[in-house]
PDB file of N, CA and C in Angstrom:
ATOM      1  N   ASP A   1      -7.210   1.390   5.778  1.00  0.00           N
ATOM      2  CA  ASP A   1      -7.007   2.636   5.063  1.00  0.00           C
ATOM      3  C   ASP A   1      -5.743   3.348   5.552  1.00  0.00           C
ATOM      4  N   PHE A   2      -5.502   3.353   6.872  1.00  0.00           N
ATOM      5  CA  PHE A   2      -4.335   4.009   7.404  1.00  0.00           C
ATOM      6  C   PHE A   2      -3.044   3.377   6.856  1.00  0.00           C
ATOM      7  N   LEU A   3      -2.993   2.036   6.865  1.00  0.00           N
ATOM      8  CA  LEU A   3      -1.810   1.328   6.368  1.00  0.00           C
ATOM      9  C   LEU A   3      -1.554   1.657   4.907  1.00  0.00           C
ATOM     10  N   ARG A   4      -2.635   1.693   4.069  1.00  0.00           N
ATOM     11  CA  ARG A   4      -2.442   2.079   2.673  1.00  0.00           C
ATOM     12  C   ARG A   4      -1.923   3.487   2.570  1.00  0.00           C
ATOM     13  N   HIS A   5      -2.289   4.363   3.456  1.00  0.00           N
ATOM     14  CA  HIS A   5      -1.843   5.746   3.416  1.00  0.00           C
ATOM     15  C   HIS A   5      -0.354   5.873   3.711  1.00  0.00           C
ATOM     16  N   VAL A   6       0.149   5.138   4.720  1.00  0.00           N
ATOM     17  CA  VAL A   6       1.537   5.256   5.097  1.00  0.00           C
ATOM     18  C   VAL A   6       2.458   4.325   4.291  1.00  0.00           C
ATOM     19  N   ALA A   7       1.941   3.255   3.714  1.00  0.00           N
ATOM     20  CA  ALA A   7       2.719   2.343   2.918  1.00  0.00           C
ATOM     21  C   ALA A   7       2.663   2.805   1.441  1.00  0.00           C
ATOM     22  N   ARG A   8       3.528   3.749   1.083  1.00  0.00           N
ATOM     23  CA  ARG A   8       3.488   4.348  -0.235  1.00  0.00           C
ATOM     24  C   ARG A   8       4.590   3.788  -1.129  1.00  0.00           C
ATOM     25  N   PRO A   9       4.323   3.684  -2.437  1.00  0.00           N
ATOM     26  CA  PRO A   9       5.371   3.307  -3.340  1.00  0.00           C
ATOM     27  C   PRO A   9       6.384   4.438  -3.435  1.00  0.00           C
ATOM     28  N   PHE A  10       7.661   4.084  -3.674  1.00  0.00           N
ATOM     29  CA  PHE A  10       8.712   5.099  -3.808  1.00  0.00           C
ATOM     30  C   PHE A  10       9.894   4.509  -4.628  1.00  0.00           C
ATOM     31  N   ALA A  11      10.676   5.445  -5.206  1.00  0.00           N
ATOM     32  CA  ALA A  11      11.858   5.036  -5.957  1.00  0.00           C
ATOM     33  C   ALA A  11      12.991   4.737  -4.984  1.00  0.00           C
ATOM     34  N   VAL A  12      13.488   3.518  -4.984  1.00  0.00           N
ATOM     35  CA  VAL A  12      14.612   3.113  -4.130  1.00  0.00           C
ATOM     36  C   VAL A  12      15.915   3.550  -4.734  1.00  0.00           C
ATOM     37  N   ALA A  13      16.048   3.404  -6.076  1.00  0.00           N
ATOM     38  CA  ALA A  13      17.253   3.760  -6.794  1.00  0.00           C
ATOM     39  C   ALA A  13      16.866   4.221  -8.201  1.00  0.00           C
ATOM     40  N   ALA A  14      17.624   5.197  -8.713  1.00  0.00           N
ATOM     41  CA  ALA A  14      17.347   5.695 -10.045  1.00  0.00           C
ATOM     42  C   ALA A  14      18.597   6.399 -10.557  1.00  0.00           C
ATOM     43  N   PRO A  15      18.861   6.327 -11.850  1.00  0.00           N
ATOM     44  CA  PRO A  15      19.985   7.036 -12.402  1.00  0.00           C
ATOM     45  C   PRO A  15      19.680   8.573 -12.418  1.00  0.00           C
ATOM     46  N   ALA A  16      20.734   9.328 -12.628  1.00  0.00           N
ATOM     47  CA  ALA A  16      20.566  10.779 -12.742  1.00  0.00           C
ATOM     48  C   ALA A  16      19.589  11.077 -13.862  1.00  0.00           C
ATOM     49  N   GLY A  17      18.766  12.110 -13.660  1.00  0.00           N
ATOM     50  CA  GLY A  17      17.779  12.490 -14.639  1.00  0.00           C
ATOM     51  C   GLY A  17      16.424  11.822 -14.511  1.00  0.00           C
ATOM     52  N   VAL A  18      16.274  11.010 -13.442  1.00  0.00           N
ATOM     53  CA  VAL A  18      14.964  10.404 -13.167  1.00  0.00           C
ATOM     54  C   VAL A  18      14.474  10.996 -11.883  1.00  0.00           C
ATOM     55  N   HIS A  19      13.244  11.518 -11.900  1.00  0.00           N
ATOM     56  CA  HIS A  19      12.685  12.226 -10.742  1.00  0.00           C
ATOM     57  C   HIS A  19      11.348  11.549 -10.340  1.00  0.00           C
ATOM     58  N   ALA A  20      11.241  11.098  -9.138  1.00  0.00           N
ATOM     59  CA  ALA A  20      10.013  10.414  -8.661  1.00  0.00           C
ATOM     60  C   ALA A  20       9.127  11.419  -7.951  1.00  0.00           C
ATOM     61  N   GLY A  21       7.855  11.312  -8.207  1.00  0.00           N
ATOM     62  CA  GLY A  21       6.852  12.104  -7.478  1.00  0.00           C
ATOM     63  C   GLY A  21       6.575  11.412  -6.129  1.00  0.00           C
ATOM     64  N   ARG A  22       5.611  11.951  -5.436  1.00  0.00           N
ATOM     65  CA  ARG A  22       5.198  11.360  -4.149  1.00  0.00           C
ATOM     66  C   ARG A  22       4.251  10.210  -4.435  1.00  0.00           C
ATOM     67  N   GLY A  23       4.595   9.028  -3.945  1.00  0.00           N
ATOM     68  CA  GLY A  23       3.745   7.861  -4.147  1.00  0.00           C
ATOM     69  C   GLY A  23       2.448   8.002  -3.432  1.00  0.00           C
ATOM     70  N   ASP A  24       1.419   7.393  -3.967  1.00  0.00           N
ATOM     71  CA  ASP A  24       0.067   7.401  -3.368  1.00  0.00           C
ATOM     72  C   ASP A  24      -0.307   5.948  -3.018  1.00  0.00           C
ATOM     73  N   GLY A  25      -0.240   5.619  -1.737  1.00  0.00           N
ATOM     74  CA  GLY A  25      -0.564   4.292  -1.288  1.00  0.00           C
ATOM     75  C   GLY A  25      -2.061   3.985  -1.270  1.00  0.00           C
ATOM     76  N   VAL A  26      -2.892   5.017  -1.242  1.00  0.00           N
ATOM     77  CA  VAL A  26      -4.332   4.821  -1.223  1.00  0.00           C
ATOM     78  C   VAL A  26      -4.814   4.446  -2.641  1.00  0.00           C
ATOM     79  N   ARG A  27      -4.365   5.190  -3.651  1.00  0.00           N
ATOM     80  CA  ARG A  27      -4.768   4.900  -5.018  1.00  0.00           C
ATOM     81  C   ARG A  27      -3.857   3.951  -5.726  1.00  0.00           C
ATOM     82  N   GLY A  28      -2.692   3.636  -5.146  1.00  0.00           N
ATOM     83  CA  GLY A  28      -1.731   2.745  -5.770  1.00  0.00           C
ATOM     84  C   GLY A  28      -1.106   3.342  -6.984  1.00  0.00           C
ATOM     85  N   ARG A  29      -0.361   4.436  -6.838  1.00  0.00           N
ATOM     86  CA  ARG A  29       0.186   5.158  -7.982  1.00  0.00           C
ATOM     87  C   ARG A  29       1.480   5.835  -7.629  1.00  0.00           C
ATOM     88  N   LEU A  30       2.392   5.903  -8.620  1.00  0.00           N
ATOM     89  CA  LEU A  30       3.633   6.639  -8.532  1.00  0.00           C
ATOM     90  C   LEU A  30       3.981   7.099  -9.934  1.00  0.00           C
ATOM     91  N   THR A  31       4.335   8.389 -10.077  1.00  0.00           N
ATOM     92  CA  THR A  31       4.699   8.954 -11.353  1.00  0.00           C
ATOM     93  C   THR A  31       6.179   9.335 -11.315  1.00  0.00           C
ATOM     94  N   LEU A  32       6.889   8.948 -12.379  1.00  0.00           N
ATOM     95  CA  LEU A  32       8.304   9.226 -12.551  1.00  0.00           C
ATOM     96  C   LEU A  32       8.472  10.115 -13.772  1.00  0.00           C
ATOM     97  N   ARG A  33       9.345  11.130 -13.661  1.00  0.00           N
ATOM     98  CA  ARG A  33       9.633  11.967 -14.812  1.00  0.00           C
ATOM     99  C   ARG A  33      11.077  11.604 -15.249  1.00  0.00           C
ATOM    100  N   VAL A  34      11.263  11.281 -16.474  1.00  0.00           N
ATOM    101  CA  VAL A  34      12.538  10.845 -17.008  1.00  0.00           C
ATOM    102  C   VAL A  34      13.011  11.883 -18.027  1.00  0.00           C
ATOM    103  N   ASP A  35      14.174  12.496 -17.787  1.00  0.00           N
ATOM    104  CA  ASP A  35      14.751  13.460 -18.699  1.00  0.00           C
ATOM    105  C   ASP A  35      15.376  12.728 -19.868  1.00  0.00           C
ATOM    106  N   PRO A  36      15.371  13.344 -21.087  1.00  0.00           N
ATOM    107  CA  PRO A  36      15.989  12.700 -22.264  1.00  0.00           C
ATOM    108  C   PRO A  36      17.426  12.318 -22.038  1.00  0.00           C
ATOM    109  N   GLY A  37      18.181  13.092 -21.282  1.00  0.00           N
ATOM    110  CA  GLY A  37      19.616  12.811 -21.056  1.00  0.00           C
ATOM    111  C   GLY A  37      19.851  12.015 -19.780  1.00  0.00           C
ATOM    112  N   HIS A  38      18.932  11.177 -19.379  1.00  0.00           N
ATOM    113  CA  HIS A  38      19.060  10.447 -18.119  1.00  0.00           C
ATOM    114  C   HIS A  38      20.278   9.524 -18.140  1.00  0.00           C
ATOM    115  N   GLY A  39      20.792   9.175 -16.965  1.00  0.00           N
ATOM    116  CA  GLY A  39      21.939   8.310 -16.842  1.00  0.00           C
ATOM    117  C   GLY A  39      21.586   6.873 -17.123  1.00  0.00           C
ATOM    118  N   ASP A  40      22.635   6.024 -17.175  1.00  0.00           N
ATOM    119  CA  ASP A  40      22.458   4.616 -17.392  1.00  0.00           C
ATOM    120  C   ASP A  40      22.037   3.917 -16.105  1.00  0.00           C
ATOM    121  N   GLY A  41      21.379   2.816 -16.245  1.00  0.00           N
ATOM    122  CA  GLY A  41      20.971   2.034 -15.092  1.00  0.00           C
ATOM    123  C   GLY A  41      19.482   1.950 -15.010  1.00  0.00           C
ATOM    124  N   ALA A  42      19.037   1.030 -14.187  1.00  0.00           N
ATOM    125  CA  ALA A  42      17.600   0.774 -14.014  1.00  0.00           C
ATOM    126  C   ALA A  42      17.055   1.617 -12.870  1.00  0.00           C
ATOM    127  N   VAL A  43      15.766   1.792 -12.882  1.00  0.00           N
ATOM    128  CA  VAL A  43      15.009   2.406 -11.792  1.00  0.00           C
ATOM    129  C   VAL A  43      14.441   1.276 -10.981  1.00  0.00           C
ATOM    130  N   VAL A  44      14.563   1.338  -9.662  1.00  0.00           N
ATOM    131  CA  VAL A  44      13.994   0.342  -8.759  1.00  0.00           C
ATOM    132  C   VAL A  44      12.941   1.000  -7.906  1.00  0.00           C
ATOM    133  N   VAL A  45      11.717   0.481  -7.967  1.00  0.00           N
ATOM    134  CA  VAL A  45      10.615   1.026  -7.188  1.00  0.00           C
ATOM    135  C   VAL A  45      10.196   0.050  -6.104  1.00  0.00           C
ATOM    136  N   SER A  46      10.072   0.547  -4.893  1.00  0.00           N
ATOM    137  CA  SER A  46       9.519  -0.234  -3.784  1.00  0.00           C
ATOM    138  C   SER A  46       7.988  -0.121  -3.883  1.00  0.00           C
ATOM    139  N   TRP A  47       7.342  -1.286  -3.909  1.00  0.00           N
ATOM    140  CA  TRP A  47       5.866  -1.325  -4.048  1.00  0.00           C
ATOM    141  C   TRP A  47       5.261  -2.101  -2.892  1.00  0.00           C
ATOM    142  N   PRO A  48       4.416  -1.468  -2.067  1.00  0.00           N
ATOM    143  CA  PRO A  48       3.862  -2.154  -0.888  1.00  0.00           C
ATOM    144  C   PRO A  48       2.939  -3.309  -1.262  1.00  0.00           C
ATOM    145  N   ALA A  49       3.501  -4.495  -1.414  1.00  0.00           N
ATOM    146  CA  ALA A  49       2.734  -5.628  -1.887  1.00  0.00           C
ATOM    147  C   ALA A  49       1.672  -6.111  -0.904  1.00  0.00           C
ATOM    148  N   LEU A  50       1.776  -5.781   0.350  1.00  0.00           N
ATOM    149  CA  LEU A  50       0.800  -6.196   1.344  1.00  0.00           C
ATOM    150  C   LEU A  50      -0.508  -5.396   1.230  1.00  0.00           C
ATOM    151  N   THR A  51      -0.408  -4.170   0.679  1.00  0.00           N
ATOM    152  CA  THR A  51      -1.588  -3.342   0.652  1.00  0.00           C
ATOM    153  C   THR A  51      -2.069  -3.011  -0.792  1.00  0.00           C
ATOM    154  N   LEU A  52      -1.266  -3.331  -1.804  1.00  0.00           N
ATOM    155  CA  LEU A  52      -1.614  -3.013  -3.175  1.00  0.00           C
ATOM    156  C   LEU A  52      -1.523  -4.262  -4.055  1.00  0.00           C
ATOM    157  N   ARG A  53      -2.265  -4.279  -5.132  1.00  0.00           N
ATOM    158  CA  ARG A  53      -2.137  -5.312  -6.136  1.00  0.00           C
ATOM    159  C   ARG A  53      -0.827  -5.093  -6.877  1.00  0.00           C
ATOM    160  N   PRO A  54      -0.316  -6.104  -7.588  1.00  0.00           N
ATOM    161  CA  PRO A  54       0.925  -5.970  -8.327  1.00  0.00           C
ATOM    162  C   PRO A  54       0.900  -4.748  -9.244  1.00  0.00           C
ATOM    163  N   PRO A  55       2.078  -4.126  -9.440  1.00  0.00           N
ATOM    164  CA  PRO A  55       2.152  -2.904 -10.276  1.00  0.00           C
ATOM    165  C   PRO A  55       2.295  -3.203 -11.758  1.00  0.00           C
ATOM    166  N   GLN A  56       1.910  -2.202 -12.554  1.00  0.00           N
ATOM    167  CA  GLN A  56       2.183  -2.181 -13.975  1.00  0.00           C
ATOM    168  C   GLN A  56       2.736  -0.789 -14.275  1.00  0.00           C
ATOM    169  N   ALA A  57       3.622  -0.687 -15.264  1.00  0.00           N
ATOM    170  CA  ALA A  57       4.235   0.574 -15.615  1.00  0.00           C
ATOM    171  C   ALA A  57       4.008   0.874 -17.088  1.00  0.00           C
ATOM    172  N   LEU A  58       3.683   2.152 -17.353  1.00  0.00           N
ATOM    173  CA  LEU A  58       3.442   2.610 -18.722  1.00  0.00           C
ATOM    174  C   LEU A  58       4.226   3.894 -18.984  1.00  0.00           C
ATOM    175  N   GLY A  59       4.896   3.943 -20.112  1.00  0.00           N
ATOM    176  CA  GLY A  59       5.636   5.148 -20.518  1.00  0.00           C
ATOM    177  C   GLY A  59       6.362   4.920 -21.794  1.00  0.00           C
ATOM    178  N   THR A  60       6.498   5.927 -22.628  1.00  0.00           N
ATOM    179  CA  THR A  60       7.084   5.773 -23.949  1.00  0.00           C
ATOM    180  C   THR A  60       8.602   5.621 -23.917  1.00  0.00           C
ATOM    181  N   CYS A  61       9.245   5.886 -22.780  1.00  0.00           N
ATOM    182  CA  CYS A  61      10.710   5.726 -22.672  1.00  0.00           C
ATOM    183  C   CYS A  61      11.058   4.447 -21.878  1.00  0.00           C
ATOM    184  N   LEU A  62      10.088   3.586 -21.677  1.00  0.00           N
ATOM    185  CA  LEU A  62      10.252   2.399 -20.889  1.00  0.00           C
ATOM    186  C   LEU A  62      10.598   1.233 -21.818  1.00  0.00           C
ATOM    187  N   ALA A  63      11.803   0.626 -21.594  1.00  0.00           N
ATOM    188  CA  ALA A  63      12.204  -0.520 -22.420  1.00  0.00           C
ATOM    189  C   ALA A  63      11.617  -1.799 -21.894  1.00  0.00           C
ATOM    190  N   GLY A  64      11.376  -1.877 -20.607  1.00  0.00           N
ATOM    191  CA  GLY A  64      10.767  -3.070 -20.008  1.00  0.00           C
ATOM    192  C   GLY A  64      10.665  -2.933 -18.531  1.00  0.00           C
ATOM    193  N   SER A  65       9.949  -3.876 -17.912  1.00  0.00           N
ATOM    194  CA  SER A  65       9.794  -3.876 -16.437  1.00  0.00           C
ATOM    195  C   SER A  65       9.697  -5.294 -15.950  1.00  0.00           C
ATOM    196  N   SER A  66      10.049  -5.494 -14.697  1.00  0.00           N
ATOM    197  CA  SER A  66       9.902  -6.808 -14.119  1.00  0.00           C
ATOM    198  C   SER A  66       9.565  -6.647 -12.623  1.00  0.00           C
ATOM    199  N   TRP A  67       8.576  -7.386 -12.213  1.00  0.00           N
ATOM    200  CA  TRP A  67       8.046  -7.328 -10.819  1.00  0.00           C
ATOM    201  C   TRP A  67       8.566  -8.549 -10.074  1.00  0.00           C
ATOM    202  N   ASP A  68       9.105  -8.308  -8.889  1.00  0.00           N
ATOM    203  CA  ASP A  68       9.577  -9.398  -8.012  1.00  0.00           C
ATOM    204  C   ASP A  68       8.765  -9.355  -6.714  1.00  0.00           C
ATOM    205  N   PRO A  69       7.718 -10.192  -6.620  1.00  0.00           N
ATOM    206  CA  PRO A  69       6.863 -10.144  -5.438  1.00  0.00           C
ATOM    207  C   PRO A  69       7.587 -10.560  -4.146  1.00  0.00           C
ATOM    208  N   ALA A  70       8.678 -11.356  -4.231  1.00  0.00           N
ATOM    209  CA  ALA A  70       9.386 -11.770  -3.032  1.00  0.00           C
ATOM    210  C   ALA A  70      10.074 -10.562  -2.347  1.00  0.00           C
ATOM    211  N   THR A  71      10.550  -9.612  -3.140  1.00  0.00           N
ATOM    212  CA  THR A  71      11.213  -8.443  -2.565  1.00  0.00           C
ATOM    213  C   THR A  71      10.358  -7.185  -2.611  1.00  0.00           C
ATOM    214  N   ALA A  72       9.174  -7.297  -3.243  1.00  0.00           N
ATOM    215  CA  ALA A  72       8.269  -6.167  -3.429  1.00  0.00           C
ATOM    216  C   ALA A  72       8.972  -5.017  -4.161  1.00  0.00           C
ATOM    217  N   ARG A  73       9.699  -5.374  -5.237  1.00  0.00           N
ATOM    218  CA  ARG A  73      10.454  -4.400  -6.019  1.00  0.00           C
ATOM    219  C   ARG A  73      10.048  -4.525  -7.498  1.00  0.00           C
ATOM    220  N   LEU A  74       9.928  -3.391  -8.150  1.00  0.00           N
ATOM    221  CA  LEU A  74       9.655  -3.318  -9.560  1.00  0.00           C
ATOM    222  C   LEU A  74      10.889  -2.674 -10.232  1.00  0.00           C
ATOM    223  N   ARG A  75      11.450  -3.393 -11.195  1.00  0.00           N
ATOM    224  CA  ARG A  75      12.593  -2.868 -11.961  1.00  0.00           C
ATOM    225  C   ARG A  75      12.112  -2.305 -13.264  1.00  0.00           C
ATOM    226  N   LEU A  76      12.536  -1.083 -13.543  1.00  0.00           N
ATOM    227  CA  LEU A  76      12.184  -0.412 -14.802  1.00  0.00           C
ATOM    228  C   LEU A  76      13.444  -0.176 -15.608  1.00  0.00           C
ATOM    229  N   ASP A  77      13.515  -0.699 -16.802  1.00  0.00           N
ATOM    230  CA  ASP A  77      14.603  -0.434 -17.730  1.00  0.00           C
ATOM    231  C   ASP A  77      14.207   0.627 -18.711  1.00  0.00           C
ATOM    232  N   LEU A  78      15.108   1.621 -18.890  1.00  0.00           N
ATOM    233  CA  LEU A  78      14.798   2.777 -19.696  1.00  0.00           C
ATOM    234  C   LEU A  78      15.452   2.719 -21.072  1.00  0.00           C
ATOM    235  N   LEU A  79      14.795   3.311 -22.056  1.00  0.00           N
ATOM    236  CA  LEU A  79      15.386   3.458 -23.388  1.00  0.00           C
ATOM    237  C   LEU A  79      16.422   4.600 -23.346  1.00  0.00           C
ATOM    238  N   PRO A  80      17.598   4.389 -23.879  1.00  0.00           N
ATOM    239  CA  PRO A  80      18.606   5.460 -23.827  1.00  0.00           C
ATOM    240  C   PRO A  80      18.177   6.674 -24.673  1.00  0.00           C
ATOM    241  N   GLY A  81      18.495   7.861 -24.162  1.00  0.00           N
ATOM    242  CA  GLY A  81      18.270   9.085 -24.913  1.00  0.00           C
ATOM    243  C   GLY A  81      16.811   9.530 -25.082  1.00  0.00           C
ATOM    244  N   ARG A  82      15.896   8.914 -24.335  1.00  0.00           N
ATOM    245  CA  ARG A  82      14.451   9.260 -24.425  1.00  0.00           C
ATOM    246  C   ARG A  82      13.950   9.681 -23.083  1.00  0.00           C
ATOM    247  N   GLY A  83      13.117  10.699 -23.095  1.00  0.00           N
ATOM    248  CA  GLY A  83      12.463  11.162 -21.893  1.00  0.00           C
ATOM    249  C   GLY A  83      10.990  10.966 -21.982  1.00  0.00           C
ATOM    250  N   CYS A  84      10.339  10.865 -20.846  1.00  0.00           N
ATOM    251  CA  CYS A  84       8.885  10.694 -20.791  1.00  0.00           C
ATOM    252  C   CYS A  84       8.433  10.753 -19.342  1.00  0.00           C
ATOM    253  N   SER A  85       7.180  10.530 -19.165  1.00  0.00           N
ATOM    254  CA  SER A  85       6.603  10.340 -17.851  1.00  0.00           C
ATOM    255  C   SER A  85       6.176   8.868 -17.747  1.00  0.00           C
ATOM    256  N   ILE A  86       6.563   8.232 -16.671  1.00  0.00           N
ATOM    257  CA  ILE A  86       6.195   6.830 -16.466  1.00  0.00           C
ATOM    258  C   ILE A  86       5.177   6.760 -15.310  1.00  0.00           C
ATOM    259  N   ASP A  87       4.066   6.165 -15.561  1.00  0.00           N
ATOM    260  CA  ASP A  87       3.070   5.956 -14.517  1.00  0.00           C
ATOM    261  C   ASP A  87       3.118   4.516 -14.052  1.00  0.00           C
ATOM    262  N   VAL A  88       3.309   4.335 -12.766  1.00  0.00           N
ATOM    263  CA  VAL A  88       3.286   3.019 -12.140  1.00  0.00           C
ATOM    264  C   VAL A  88       2.004   2.961 -11.322  1.00  0.00           C
ATOM    265  N   GLU A  89       1.204   1.974 -11.566  1.00  0.00           N
ATOM    266  CA  GLU A  89      -0.061   1.873 -10.822  1.00  0.00           C
ATOM    267  C   GLU A  89      -0.471   0.408 -10.656  1.00  0.00           C
ATOM    268  N   GLU A  90      -1.468   0.204  -9.808  1.00  0.00           N
ATOM    269  CA  GLU A  90      -1.956  -1.171  -9.581  1.00  0.00           C
ATOM    270  C   GLU A  90      -2.479  -1.774 -10.880  1.00  0.00           C
ATOM    271  N   SER A  91      -2.222  -3.051 -11.051  1.00  0.00           N
ATOM    272  CA  SER A  91      -2.739  -3.759 -12.233  1.00  0.00           C
ATOM    273  C   SER A  91      -4.170  -4.178 -12.039  1.00  0.00           C
TER     274      SER A  91
END
């Protein structure tokens, strides 16, 4: 339980206009807020693969996502000109 608490998901990189909340390693959740005028580029989320099941992402401004278990990184591609809330959680 302690390791799940300290090993939290977090945004490693994100374009301007993307705001990450505080990751929850116990429940396996991270929420991102995406402004409609967000910058170009992908969002990269670090996901503690040793303590959580693989992630899934849901949001209306999400163009696609890809999970790389070797690096424990989730890449989120955004739709241009759209804002939303993206929920990343255990699958």
